[in-house]
Amino acid sequence: MNLKSVQNKPLFKVITNIYVIILTVFVVWMLFFDENSYLTHREFDKEIKELETWIDYHKKKTAQDKQTIKNLQDSLELERFAREKYLMKKKDEDIYIIEFDTIKK
């Protein structure tokens, strides 16, 4: 098998075509080396998903806080919240904190 026989094959003619070579170089450049390459877009898509998750978390947290604020408009609910969360008490009250030990011996 010499060079002449390889040059006459149709696959060799297609591969050595100038347009195919230029197209191949262009595709490789666009996929890997360009500023807007496929790899860069994958990283951006990953970051977008993380940020959307972060936004969803904060939207849920904001909704919970709005509900808490709405509940605290009632004076009895406000008093209950202050007693449970911040251990506040009235002057003539005593508070006993009971902790449950969950470790079984």
PDB file of N, CA and C in Angstrom:
ATOM      1  N   MET A   1       0.842  -1.176   0.000  1.00  0.00           N
ATOM      2  CA  MET A   1       0.000   0.000   0.000  1.00  0.00           C
ATOM      3  C   MET A   1       0.887   1.239   0.000  1.00  0.00           C
ATOM      4  N   ASN A   2       0.876   1.933  -1.067  1.00  0.00           N
ATOM      5  CA  ASN A   2       1.719   3.111  -1.184  1.00  0.00           C
ATOM      6  C   ASN A   2       0.862   4.376  -1.095  1.00  0.00           C
ATOM      7  N   LEU A   3       1.499   5.492  -1.231  1.00  0.00           N
ATOM      8  CA  LEU A   3       0.833   6.797  -1.093  1.00  0.00           C
ATOM      9  C   LEU A   3      -0.195   7.017  -2.192  1.00  0.00           C
ATOM     10  N   LYS A   4       0.088   6.565  -3.392  1.00  0.00           N
ATOM     11  CA  LYS A   4      -0.856   6.744  -4.513  1.00  0.00           C
ATOM     12  C   LYS A   4      -2.158   5.992  -4.259  1.00  0.00           C
ATOM     13  N   SER A   5      -2.071   4.819  -3.734  1.00  0.00           N
ATOM     14  CA  SER A   5      -3.289   4.041  -3.504  1.00  0.00           C
ATOM     15  C   SER A   5      -4.125   4.657  -2.367  1.00  0.00           C
ATOM     16  N   VAL A   6      -3.479   5.230  -1.370  1.00  0.00           N
ATOM     17  CA  VAL A   6      -4.204   5.881  -0.279  1.00  0.00           C
ATOM     18  C   VAL A   6      -4.864   7.164  -0.777  1.00  0.00           C
ATOM     19  N   GLN A   7      -4.204   7.900  -1.635  1.00  0.00           N
ATOM     20  CA  GLN A   7      -4.751   9.154  -2.155  1.00  0.00           C
ATOM     21  C   GLN A   7      -5.968   8.929  -3.042  1.00  0.00           C
ATOM     22  N   ASN A   8      -6.095   7.789  -3.626  1.00  0.00           N
ATOM     23  CA  ASN A   8      -7.220   7.513  -4.506  1.00  0.00           C
ATOM     24  C   ASN A   8      -8.472   7.048  -3.751  1.00  0.00           C
ATOM     25  N   LYS A   9      -8.365   6.797  -2.486  1.00  0.00           N
ATOM     26  CA  LYS A   9      -9.518   6.350  -1.719  1.00  0.00           C
ATOM     27  C   LYS A   9     -10.459   7.530  -1.472  1.00  0.00           C
ATOM     28  N   PRO A  10     -11.782   7.285  -1.492  1.00  0.00           N
ATOM     29  CA  PRO A  10     -12.745   8.390  -1.333  1.00  0.00           C
ATOM     30  C   PRO A  10     -12.702   9.032   0.055  1.00  0.00           C
ATOM     31  N   LEU A  11     -12.461   8.258   1.077  1.00  0.00           N
ATOM     32  CA  LEU A  11     -12.400   8.817   2.427  1.00  0.00           C
ATOM     33  C   LEU A  11     -11.236   9.787   2.566  1.00  0.00           C
ATOM     34  N   PHE A  12     -10.125   9.465   2.010  1.00  0.00           N
ATOM     35  CA  PHE A  12      -8.964  10.343   2.052  1.00  0.00           C
ATOM     36  C   PHE A  12      -9.258  11.654   1.334  1.00  0.00           C
ATOM     37  N   LYS A  13      -9.946  11.580   0.227  1.00  0.00           N
ATOM     38  CA  LYS A  13     -10.284  12.784  -0.527  1.00  0.00           C
ATOM     39  C   LYS A  13     -11.221  13.686   0.282  1.00  0.00           C
ATOM     40  N   VAL A  14     -12.155  13.092   0.997  1.00  0.00           N
ATOM     41  CA  VAL A  14     -13.081  13.889   1.807  1.00  0.00           C
ATOM     42  C   VAL A  14     -12.340  14.520   2.986  1.00  0.00           C
ATOM     43  N   ILE A  15     -11.498  13.731   3.640  1.00  0.00           N
ATOM     44  CA  ILE A  15     -10.780  14.231   4.820  1.00  0.00           C
ATOM     45  C   ILE A  15      -9.806  15.346   4.444  1.00  0.00           C
ATOM     46  N   THR A  16      -9.177  15.255   3.299  1.00  0.00           N
ATOM     47  CA  THR A  16      -8.192  16.268   2.902  1.00  0.00           C
ATOM     48  C   THR A  16      -8.815  17.450   2.162  1.00  0.00           C
ATOM     49  N   ASN A  17     -10.112  17.458   2.020  1.00  0.00           N
ATOM     50  CA  ASN A  17     -10.793  18.583   1.394  1.00  0.00           C
ATOM     51  C   ASN A  17     -10.608  19.821   2.279  1.00  0.00           C
ATOM     52  N   ILE A  18     -10.292  20.949   1.690  1.00  0.00           N
ATOM     53  CA  ILE A  18      -9.980  22.171   2.428  1.00  0.00           C
ATOM     54  C   ILE A  18     -11.175  22.653   3.248  1.00  0.00           C
ATOM     55  N   TYR A  19     -12.374  22.464   2.713  1.00  0.00           N
ATOM     56  CA  TYR A  19     -13.573  22.900   3.429  1.00  0.00           C
ATOM     57  C   TYR A  19     -13.821  22.052   4.677  1.00  0.00           C
ATOM     58  N   VAL A  20     -13.571  20.770   4.570  1.00  0.00           N
ATOM     59  CA  VAL A  20     -13.729  19.874   5.720  1.00  0.00           C
ATOM     60  C   VAL A  20     -12.703  20.220   6.792  1.00  0.00           C
ATOM     61  N   ILE A  21     -11.505  20.495   6.391  1.00  0.00           N
ATOM     62  CA  ILE A  21     -10.445  20.860   7.351  1.00  0.00           C
ATOM     63  C   ILE A  21     -10.802  22.156   8.059  1.00  0.00           C
ATOM     64  N   ILE A  22     -11.218  23.151   7.292  1.00  0.00           N
ATOM     65  CA  ILE A  22     -11.585  24.443   7.888  1.00  0.00           C
ATOM     66  C   ILE A  22     -12.782  24.283   8.818  1.00  0.00           C
ATOM     67  N   LEU A  23     -13.780  23.529   8.399  1.00  0.00           N
ATOM     68  CA  LEU A  23     -14.959  23.293   9.237  1.00  0.00           C
ATOM     69  C   LEU A  23     -14.582  22.569  10.528  1.00  0.00           C
ATOM     70  N   THR A  24     -13.710  21.598  10.437  1.00  0.00           N
ATOM     71  CA  THR A  24     -13.269  20.857  11.624  1.00  0.00           C
ATOM     72  C   THR A  24     -12.535  21.773  12.597  1.00  0.00           C
ATOM     73  N   VAL A  25     -11.632  22.585  12.089  1.00  0.00           N
ATOM     74  CA  VAL A  25     -10.901  23.532  12.935  1.00  0.00           C
ATOM     75  C   VAL A  25     -11.880  24.504  13.588  1.00  0.00           C
ATOM     76  N   PHE A  26     -12.848  24.997  12.822  1.00  0.00           N
ATOM     77  CA  PHE A  26     -13.840  25.936  13.342  1.00  0.00           C
ATOM     78  C   PHE A  26     -14.671  25.301  14.463  1.00  0.00           C
ATOM     79  N   VAL A  27     -15.132  24.084  14.250  1.00  0.00           N
ATOM     80  CA  VAL A  27     -15.956  23.406  15.254  1.00  0.00           C
ATOM     81  C   VAL A  27     -15.151  23.154  16.532  1.00  0.00           C
ATOM     82  N   VAL A  28     -13.932  22.695  16.389  1.00  0.00           N
ATOM     83  CA  VAL A  28     -13.081  22.462  17.561  1.00  0.00           C
ATOM     84  C   VAL A  28     -12.843  23.772  18.298  1.00  0.00           C
ATOM     85  N   TRP A  29     -12.573  24.825  17.565  1.00  0.00           N
ATOM     86  CA  TRP A  29     -12.340  26.142  18.180  1.00  0.00           C
ATOM     87  C   TRP A  29     -13.581  26.595  18.955  1.00  0.00           C
ATOM     88  N   MET A  30     -14.757  26.483  18.348  1.00  0.00           N
ATOM     89  CA  MET A  30     -15.990  26.949  18.983  1.00  0.00           C
ATOM     90  C   MET A  30     -16.365  26.097  20.198  1.00  0.00           C
ATOM     91  N   LEU A  31     -16.071  24.817  20.151  1.00  0.00           N
ATOM     92  CA  LEU A  31     -16.437  23.946  21.266  1.00  0.00           C
ATOM     93  C   LEU A  31     -15.518  24.096  22.471  1.00  0.00           C
ATOM     94  N   PHE A  32     -14.235  24.333  22.257  1.00  0.00           N
ATOM     95  CA  PHE A  32     -13.298  24.263  23.363  1.00  0.00           C
ATOM     96  C   PHE A  32     -12.534  25.555  23.664  1.00  0.00           C
ATOM     97  N   PHE A  33     -12.209  26.357  22.668  1.00  0.00           N
ATOM     98  CA  PHE A  33     -11.293  27.463  22.901  1.00  0.00           C
ATOM     99  C   PHE A  33     -11.935  28.846  22.903  1.00  0.00           C
ATOM    100  N   ASP A  34     -13.084  28.981  22.345  1.00  0.00           N
ATOM    101  CA  ASP A  34     -13.722  30.284  22.236  1.00  0.00           C
ATOM    102  C   ASP A  34     -14.216  30.761  23.602  1.00  0.00           C
ATOM    103  N   GLU A  35     -14.402  32.067  23.723  1.00  0.00           N
ATOM    104  CA  GLU A  35     -14.905  32.643  24.967  1.00  0.00           C
ATOM    105  C   GLU A  35     -16.308  32.127  25.287  1.00  0.00           C
ATOM    106  N   ASN A  36     -17.095  31.849  24.287  1.00  0.00           N
ATOM    107  CA  ASN A  36     -18.447  31.323  24.456  1.00  0.00           C
ATOM    108  C   ASN A  36     -18.507  29.834  24.155  1.00  0.00           C
ATOM    109  N   SER A  37     -17.517  29.104  24.598  1.00  0.00           N
ATOM    110  CA  SER A  37     -17.419  27.685  24.280  1.00  0.00           C
ATOM    111  C   SER A  37     -18.471  26.868  25.030  1.00  0.00           C
ATOM    112  N   TYR A  38     -18.596  25.641  24.610  1.00  0.00           N
ATOM    113  CA  TYR A  38     -19.536  24.712  25.236  1.00  0.00           C
ATOM    114  C   TYR A  38     -19.196  24.513  26.709  1.00  0.00           C
ATOM    115  N   LEU A  39     -17.931  24.421  27.025  1.00  0.00           N
ATOM    116  CA  LEU A  39     -17.505  24.219  28.405  1.00  0.00           C
ATOM    117  C   LEU A  39     -17.889  25.413  29.279  1.00  0.00           C
ATOM    118  N   THR A  40     -17.737  26.603  28.752  1.00  0.00           N
ATOM    119  CA  THR A  40     -18.118  27.807  29.486  1.00  0.00           C
ATOM    120  C   THR A  40     -19.622  27.839  29.713  1.00  0.00           C
ATOM    121  N   HIS A  41     -20.375  27.470  28.703  1.00  0.00           N
ATOM    122  CA  HIS A  41     -21.830  27.447  28.837  1.00  0.00           C
ATOM    123  C   HIS A  41     -22.274  26.407  29.867  1.00  0.00           C
ATOM    124  N   ARG A  42     -21.605  25.287  29.947  1.00  0.00           N
ATOM    125  CA  ARG A  42     -21.933  24.284  30.966  1.00  0.00           C
ATOM    126  C   ARG A  42     -21.725  24.840  32.359  1.00  0.00           C
ATOM    127  N   GLU A  43     -20.615  25.564  32.571  1.00  0.00           N
ATOM    128  CA  GLU A  43     -20.343  26.173  33.871  1.00  0.00           C
ATOM    129  C   GLU A  43     -21.404  27.220  34.211  1.00  0.00           C
ATOM    130  N   PHE A  44     -21.776  28.024  33.228  1.00  0.00           N
ATOM    131  CA  PHE A  44     -22.794  29.047  33.457  1.00  0.00           C
ATOM    132  C   PHE A  44     -24.142  28.416  33.783  1.00  0.00           C
ATOM    133  N   ASP A  45     -24.496  27.336  33.093  1.00  0.00           N
ATOM    134  CA  ASP A  45     -25.761  26.655  33.370  1.00  0.00           C
ATOM    135  C   ASP A  45     -25.779  26.089  34.793  1.00  0.00           C
ATOM    136  N   LYS A  46     -24.659  25.556  35.224  1.00  0.00           N
ATOM    137  CA  LYS A  46     -24.557  25.028  36.578  1.00  0.00           C
ATOM    138  C   LYS A  46     -24.728  26.150  37.604  1.00  0.00           C
ATOM    139  N   GLU A  47     -24.084  27.271  37.353  1.00  0.00           N
ATOM    140  CA  GLU A  47     -24.198  28.415  38.255  1.00  0.00           C
ATOM    141  C   GLU A  47     -25.624  28.962  38.276  1.00  0.00           C
ATOM    142  N   ILE A  48     -26.288  28.978  37.129  1.00  0.00           N
ATOM    143  CA  ILE A  48     -27.676  29.438  37.056  1.00  0.00           C
ATOM    144  C   ILE A  48     -28.576  28.536  37.891  1.00  0.00           C
ATOM    145  N   LYS A  49     -28.379  27.230  37.809  1.00  0.00           N
ATOM    146  CA  LYS A  49     -29.188  26.303  38.605  1.00  0.00           C
ATOM    147  C   LYS A  49     -28.969  26.520  40.095  1.00  0.00           C
ATOM    148  N   GLU A  50     -27.720  26.743  40.504  1.00  0.00           N
ATOM    149  CA  GLU A  50     -27.429  27.000  41.909  1.00  0.00           C
ATOM    150  C   GLU A  50     -28.110  28.290  42.374  1.00  0.00           C
ATOM    151  N   LEU A  51     -28.053  29.323  41.549  1.00  0.00           N
ATOM    152  CA  LEU A  51     -28.670  30.588  41.913  1.00  0.00           C
ATOM    153  C   LEU A  51     -30.189  30.483  41.954  1.00  0.00           C
ATOM    154  N   GLU A  52     -30.781  29.708  41.063  1.00  0.00           N
ATOM    155  CA  GLU A  52     -32.231  29.517  41.091  1.00  0.00           C
ATOM    156  C   GLU A  52     -32.643  28.761  42.356  1.00  0.00           C
ATOM    157  N   THR A  53     -31.852  27.794  42.769  1.00  0.00           N
ATOM    158  CA  THR A  53     -32.121  27.082  44.021  1.00  0.00           C
ATOM    159  C   THR A  53     -32.036  28.044  45.200  1.00  0.00           C
ATOM    160  N   TRP A  54     -31.037  28.904  45.189  1.00  0.00           N
ATOM    161  CA  TRP A  54     -30.838  29.899  46.239  1.00  0.00           C
ATOM    162  C   TRP A  54     -32.025  30.865  46.285  1.00  0.00           C
ATOM    163  N   ILE A  55     -32.504  31.294  45.129  1.00  0.00           N
ATOM    164  CA  ILE A  55     -33.651  32.205  45.047  1.00  0.00           C
ATOM    165  C   ILE A  55     -34.904  31.522  45.579  1.00  0.00           C
ATOM    166  N   ASP A  56     -35.134  30.263  45.205  1.00  0.00           N
ATOM    167  CA  ASP A  56     -36.301  29.528  45.687  1.00  0.00           C
ATOM    168  C   ASP A  56     -36.270  29.385  47.205  1.00  0.00           C
ATOM    169  N   TYR A  57     -35.096  29.087  47.758  1.00  0.00           N
ATOM    170  CA  TYR A  57     -34.960  28.967  49.211  1.00  0.00           C
ATOM    171  C   TYR A  57     -35.351  30.276  49.887  1.00  0.00           C
ATOM    172  N   HIS A  58     -34.845  31.377  49.361  1.00  0.00           N
ATOM    173  CA  HIS A  58     -35.120  32.669  49.993  1.00  0.00           C
ATOM    174  C   HIS A  58     -36.567  33.110  49.793  1.00  0.00           C
ATOM    175  N   LYS A  59     -37.181  32.720  48.695  1.00  0.00           N
ATOM    176  CA  LYS A  59     -38.604  33.020  48.515  1.00  0.00           C
ATOM    177  C   LYS A  59     -39.439  32.270  49.551  1.00  0.00           C
ATOM    178  N   LYS A  60     -39.108  31.009  49.789  1.00  0.00           N
ATOM    179  CA  LYS A  60     -39.817  30.228  50.800  1.00  0.00           C
ATOM    180  C   LYS A  60     -39.592  30.819  52.187  1.00  0.00           C
ATOM    181  N   LYS A  61     -38.356  31.208  52.463  1.00  0.00           N
ATOM    182  CA  LYS A  61     -38.030  31.797  53.763  1.00  0.00           C
ATOM    183  C   LYS A  61     -38.783  33.114  53.949  1.00  0.00           C
ATOM    184  N   THR A  62     -38.891  33.925  52.897  1.00  0.00           N
ATOM    185  CA  THR A  62     -39.627  35.183  52.966  1.00  0.00           C
ATOM    186  C   THR A  62     -41.101  34.932  53.217  1.00  0.00           C
ATOM    187  N   ALA A  63     -41.655  33.919  52.571  1.00  0.00           N
ATOM    188  CA  ALA A  63     -43.066  33.580  52.789  1.00  0.00           C
ATOM    189  C   ALA A  63     -43.290  33.139  54.234  1.00  0.00           C
ATOM    190  N   GLN A  64     -42.376  32.359  54.788  1.00  0.00           N
ATOM    191  CA  GLN A  64     -42.497  31.942  56.183  1.00  0.00           C
ATOM    192  C   GLN A  64     -42.428  33.144  57.117  1.00  0.00           C
ATOM    193  N   ASP A  65     -41.498  34.053  56.844  1.00  0.00           N
ATOM    194  CA  ASP A  65     -41.365  35.245  57.683  1.00  0.00           C
ATOM    195  C   ASP A  65     -42.599  36.130  57.599  1.00  0.00           C
ATOM    196  N   LYS A  66     -43.188  36.253  56.409  1.00  0.00           N
ATOM    197  CA  LYS A  66     -44.417  37.035  56.271  1.00  0.00           C
ATOM    198  C   LYS A  66     -45.545  36.410  57.079  1.00  0.00           C
ATOM    199  N   GLN A  67     -45.625  35.079  57.058  1.00  0.00           N
ATOM    200  CA  GLN A  67     -46.641  34.390  57.838  1.00  0.00           C
ATOM    201  C   GLN A  67     -46.404  34.600  59.328  1.00  0.00           C
ATOM    202  N   THR A  68     -45.162  34.557  59.756  1.00  0.00           N
ATOM    203  CA  THR A  68     -44.834  34.792  61.164  1.00  0.00           C
ATOM    204  C   THR A  68     -45.212  36.207  61.565  1.00  0.00           C
ATOM    205  N   ILE A  69     -44.908  37.185  60.726  1.00  0.00           N
ATOM    206  CA  ILE A  69     -45.269  38.571  61.008  1.00  0.00           C
ATOM    207  C   ILE A  69     -46.783  38.724  61.099  1.00  0.00           C
ATOM    208  N   LYS A  70     -47.479  38.061  60.188  1.00  0.00           N
ATOM    209  CA  LYS A  70     -48.946  38.119  60.210  1.00  0.00           C
ATOM    210  C   LYS A  70     -49.482  37.509  61.506  1.00  0.00           C
ATOM    211  N   ASN A  71     -48.908  36.394  61.938  1.00  0.00           N
ATOM    212  CA  ASN A  71     -49.338  35.760  63.184  1.00  0.00           C
ATOM    213  C   ASN A  71     -49.023  36.617  64.403  1.00  0.00           C
ATOM    214  N   LEU A  72     -47.919  37.359  64.351  1.00  0.00           N
ATOM    215  CA  LEU A  72     -47.499  38.155  65.510  1.00  0.00           C
ATOM    216  C   LEU A  72     -48.301  39.445  65.651  1.00  0.00           C
ATOM    217  N   GLN A  73     -49.219  39.711  64.739  1.00  0.00           N
ATOM    218  CA  GLN A  73     -50.084  40.880  64.895  1.00  0.00           C
ATOM    219  C   GLN A  73     -51.030  40.683  66.083  1.00  0.00           C
ATOM    220  N   ASP A  74     -51.333  39.441  66.404  1.00  0.00           N
ATOM    221  CA  ASP A  74     -52.174  39.124  67.554  1.00  0.00           C
ATOM    222  C   ASP A  74     -51.318  39.208  68.817  1.00  0.00           C
ATOM    223  N   SER A  75     -51.813  39.876  69.864  1.00  0.00           N
ATOM    224  CA  SER A  75     -51.016  40.079  71.075  1.00  0.00           C
ATOM    225  C   SER A  75     -50.756  38.764  71.816  1.00  0.00           C
ATOM    226  N   LEU A  76     -51.719  37.852  71.815  1.00  0.00           N
ATOM    227  CA  LEU A  76     -51.499  36.569  72.487  1.00  0.00           C
ATOM    228  C   LEU A  76     -50.435  35.747  71.761  1.00  0.00           C
ATOM    229  N   GLU A  77     -50.473  35.790  70.459  1.00  0.00           N
ATOM    230  CA  GLU A  77     -49.470  35.060  69.677  1.00  0.00           C
ATOM    231  C   GLU A  77     -48.084  35.678  69.876  1.00  0.00           C
ATOM    232  N   LEU A  78     -48.034  37.008  69.967  1.00  0.00           N
ATOM    233  CA  LEU A  78     -46.771  37.696  70.205  1.00  0.00           C
ATOM    234  C   LEU A  78     -46.204  37.309  71.566  1.00  0.00           C
ATOM    235  N   GLU A  79     -47.061  37.246  72.568  1.00  0.00           N
ATOM    236  CA  GLU A  79     -46.625  36.861  73.901  1.00  0.00           C
ATOM    237  C   GLU A  79     -46.104  35.418  73.903  1.00  0.00           C
ATOM    238  N   ARG A  80     -46.813  34.506  73.229  1.00  0.00           N
ATOM    239  CA  ARG A  80     -46.381  33.117  73.157  1.00  0.00           C
ATOM    240  C   ARG A  80     -45.026  33.004  72.463  1.00  0.00           C
ATOM    241  N   PHE A  81     -44.859  33.747  71.372  1.00  0.00           N
ATOM    242  CA  PHE A  81     -43.605  33.726  70.626  1.00  0.00           C
ATOM    243  C   PHE A  81     -42.453  34.226  71.493  1.00  0.00           C
ATOM    244  N   ALA A  82     -42.681  35.328  72.222  1.00  0.00           N
ATOM    245  CA  ALA A  82     -41.630  35.885  73.073  1.00  0.00           C
ATOM    246  C   ALA A  82     -41.259  34.920  74.183  1.00  0.00           C
ATOM    247  N   ARG A  83     -42.262  34.250  74.751  1.00  0.00           N
ATOM    248  CA  ARG A  83     -41.975  33.297  75.827  1.00  0.00           C
ATOM    249  C   ARG A  83     -41.190  32.092  75.311  1.00  0.00           C
ATOM    250  N   GLU A  84     -41.578  31.551  74.163  1.00  0.00           N
ATOM    251  CA  GLU A  84     -40.924  30.351  73.657  1.00  0.00           C
ATOM    252  C   GLU A  84     -39.558  30.634  73.053  1.00  0.00           C
ATOM    253  N   LYS A  85     -39.485  31.677  72.270  1.00  0.00           N
ATOM    254  CA  LYS A  85     -38.256  31.927  71.513  1.00  0.00           C
ATOM    255  C   LYS A  85     -37.184  32.622  72.360  1.00  0.00           C
ATOM    256  N   TYR A  86     -37.599  33.613  73.147  1.00  0.00           N
ATOM    257  CA  TYR A  86     -36.630  34.438  73.869  1.00  0.00           C
ATOM    258  C   TYR A  86     -36.691  34.261  75.384  1.00  0.00           C
ATOM    259  N   LEU A  87     -37.475  33.284  75.858  1.00  0.00           N
ATOM    260  CA  LEU A  87     -37.575  32.951  77.272  1.00  0.00           C
ATOM    261  C   LEU A  87     -37.938  34.164  78.127  1.00  0.00           C
ATOM    262  N   MET A  88     -38.816  34.996  77.638  1.00  0.00           N
ATOM    263  CA  MET A  88     -39.274  36.162  78.389  1.00  0.00           C
ATOM    264  C   MET A  88     -40.364  35.732  79.356  1.00  0.00           C
ATOM    265  N   LYS A  89     -40.548  36.546  80.402  1.00  0.00           N
ATOM    266  CA  LYS A  89     -41.541  36.209  81.406  1.00  0.00           C
ATOM    267  C   LYS A  89     -42.109  37.487  82.001  1.00  0.00           C
ATOM    268  N   LYS A  90     -43.218  37.304  82.715  1.00  0.00           N
ATOM    269  CA  LYS A  90     -43.797  38.416  83.462  1.00  0.00           C
ATOM    270  C   LYS A  90     -43.057  38.536  84.791  1.00  0.00           C
ATOM    271  N   LYS A  91     -43.275  39.647  85.494  1.00  0.00           N
ATOM    272  CA  LYS A  91     -42.534  39.887  86.737  1.00  0.00           C
ATOM    273  C   LYS A  91     -42.781  38.814  87.802  1.00  0.00           C
ATOM    274  N   ASP A  92     -43.988  38.366  87.926  1.00  0.00           N
ATOM    275  CA  ASP A  92     -44.309  37.447  89.011  1.00  0.00           C
ATOM    276  C   ASP A  92     -44.268  35.972  88.584  1.00  0.00           C
ATOM    277  N   GLU A  93     -43.626  35.660  87.483  1.00  0.00           N
ATOM    278  CA  GLU A  93     -43.558  34.290  86.993  1.00  0.00           C
ATOM    279  C   GLU A  93     -42.162  33.705  87.168  1.00  0.00           C
ATOM    280  N   ASP A  94     -42.135  32.410  87.283  1.00  0.00           N
ATOM    281  CA  ASP A  94     -40.873  31.671  87.267  1.00  0.00           C
ATOM    282  C   ASP A  94     -40.885  30.772  86.037  1.00  0.00           C
ATOM    283  N   ILE A  95     -39.747  30.681  85.394  1.00  0.00           N
ATOM    284  CA  ILE A  95     -39.645  29.840  84.208  1.00  0.00           C
ATOM    285  C   ILE A  95     -38.747  28.658  84.530  1.00  0.00           C
ATOM    286  N   TYR A  96     -39.237  27.486  84.168  1.00  0.00           N
ATOM    287  CA  TYR A  96     -38.459  26.262  84.326  1.00  0.00           C
ATOM    288  C   TYR A  96     -38.240  25.673  82.940  1.00  0.00           C
ATOM    289  N   ILE A  97     -36.998  25.518  82.579  1.00  0.00           N
ATOM    290  CA  ILE A  97     -36.662  24.952  81.277  1.00  0.00           C
ATOM    291  C   ILE A  97     -36.441  23.457  81.463  1.00  0.00           C
ATOM    292  N   ILE A  98     -37.222  22.697  80.752  1.00  0.00           N
ATOM    293  CA  ILE A  98     -37.122  21.245  80.843  1.00  0.00           C
ATOM    294  C   ILE A  98     -36.517  20.721  79.554  1.00  0.00           C
ATOM    295  N   GLU A  99     -35.390  20.066  79.679  1.00  0.00           N
ATOM    296  CA  GLU A  99     -34.748  19.467  78.511  1.00  0.00           C
ATOM    297  C   GLU A  99     -34.905  17.965  78.612  1.00  0.00           C
ATOM    298  N   PHE A 100     -35.262  17.385  77.506  1.00  0.00           N
ATOM    299  CA  PHE A 100     -35.451  15.949  77.455  1.00  0.00           C
ATOM    300  C   PHE A 100     -34.165  15.298  76.963  1.00  0.00           C
ATOM    301  N   ASP A 101     -33.711  14.321  77.706  1.00  0.00           N
ATOM    302  CA  ASP A 101     -32.524  13.590  77.306  1.00  0.00           C
ATOM    303  C   ASP A 101     -32.962  12.436  76.409  1.00  0.00           C
ATOM    304  N   THR A 102     -32.515  12.459  75.185  1.00  0.00           N
ATOM    305  CA  THR A 102     -32.935  11.426  74.237  1.00  0.00           C
ATOM    306  C   THR A 102     -31.997  10.237  74.190  1.00  0.00           C
ATOM    307  N   ILE A 103     -30.910  10.312  74.909  1.00  0.00           N
ATOM    308  CA  ILE A 103     -29.943   9.206  74.917  1.00  0.00           C
ATOM    309  C   ILE A 103     -30.394   8.171  75.955  1.00  0.00           C
ATOM    310  N   LYS A 104     -30.581   6.960  75.498  1.00  0.00           N
ATOM    311  CA  LYS A 104     -31.000   5.873  76.389  1.00  0.00           C
ATOM    312  C   LYS A 104     -29.765   5.155  76.893  1.00  0.00           C
ATOM    313  N   LYS A 105     -29.793   4.856  78.174  1.00  0.00           N
ATOM    314  CA  LYS A 105     -28.637   4.174  78.770  1.00  0.00           C
ATOM    315  C   LYS A 105     -28.914   2.714  78.958  1.00  0.00           C
TER     316      LYS A 105
END
